[in-house]
């Protein structure tokens, strides 16, 4: 989503949908507006701007995040039965925009 230029109306709406998906499914366990979190999951604050993810220590990638959203993790539930592929992509777009 090109940094530095104003977002087109459809991009803004797309990110608002991503924000709604985040609030519905992620906010209970993951912060996105602060680096340090008291929530059970790692913070997504500027996730794609970091060299490493908080727990896996891998470089953040859309593919890895998508797998985690779809199939879950040790404490994280899988969302593949609740979110469509396009919704997961929109959710990741929102996380990437923060």
Foldseek 3Di string as FASTA:
>chain_A
DDPPDDDDPVVVVLLVLLVVVCVVAPPQAEAQCDQDDPHPDHHLDLQQVDCAHDPPRHRDDLVVQLCCQQPNDPPGHHCVVPDPPVSSVSNVVNSNVD
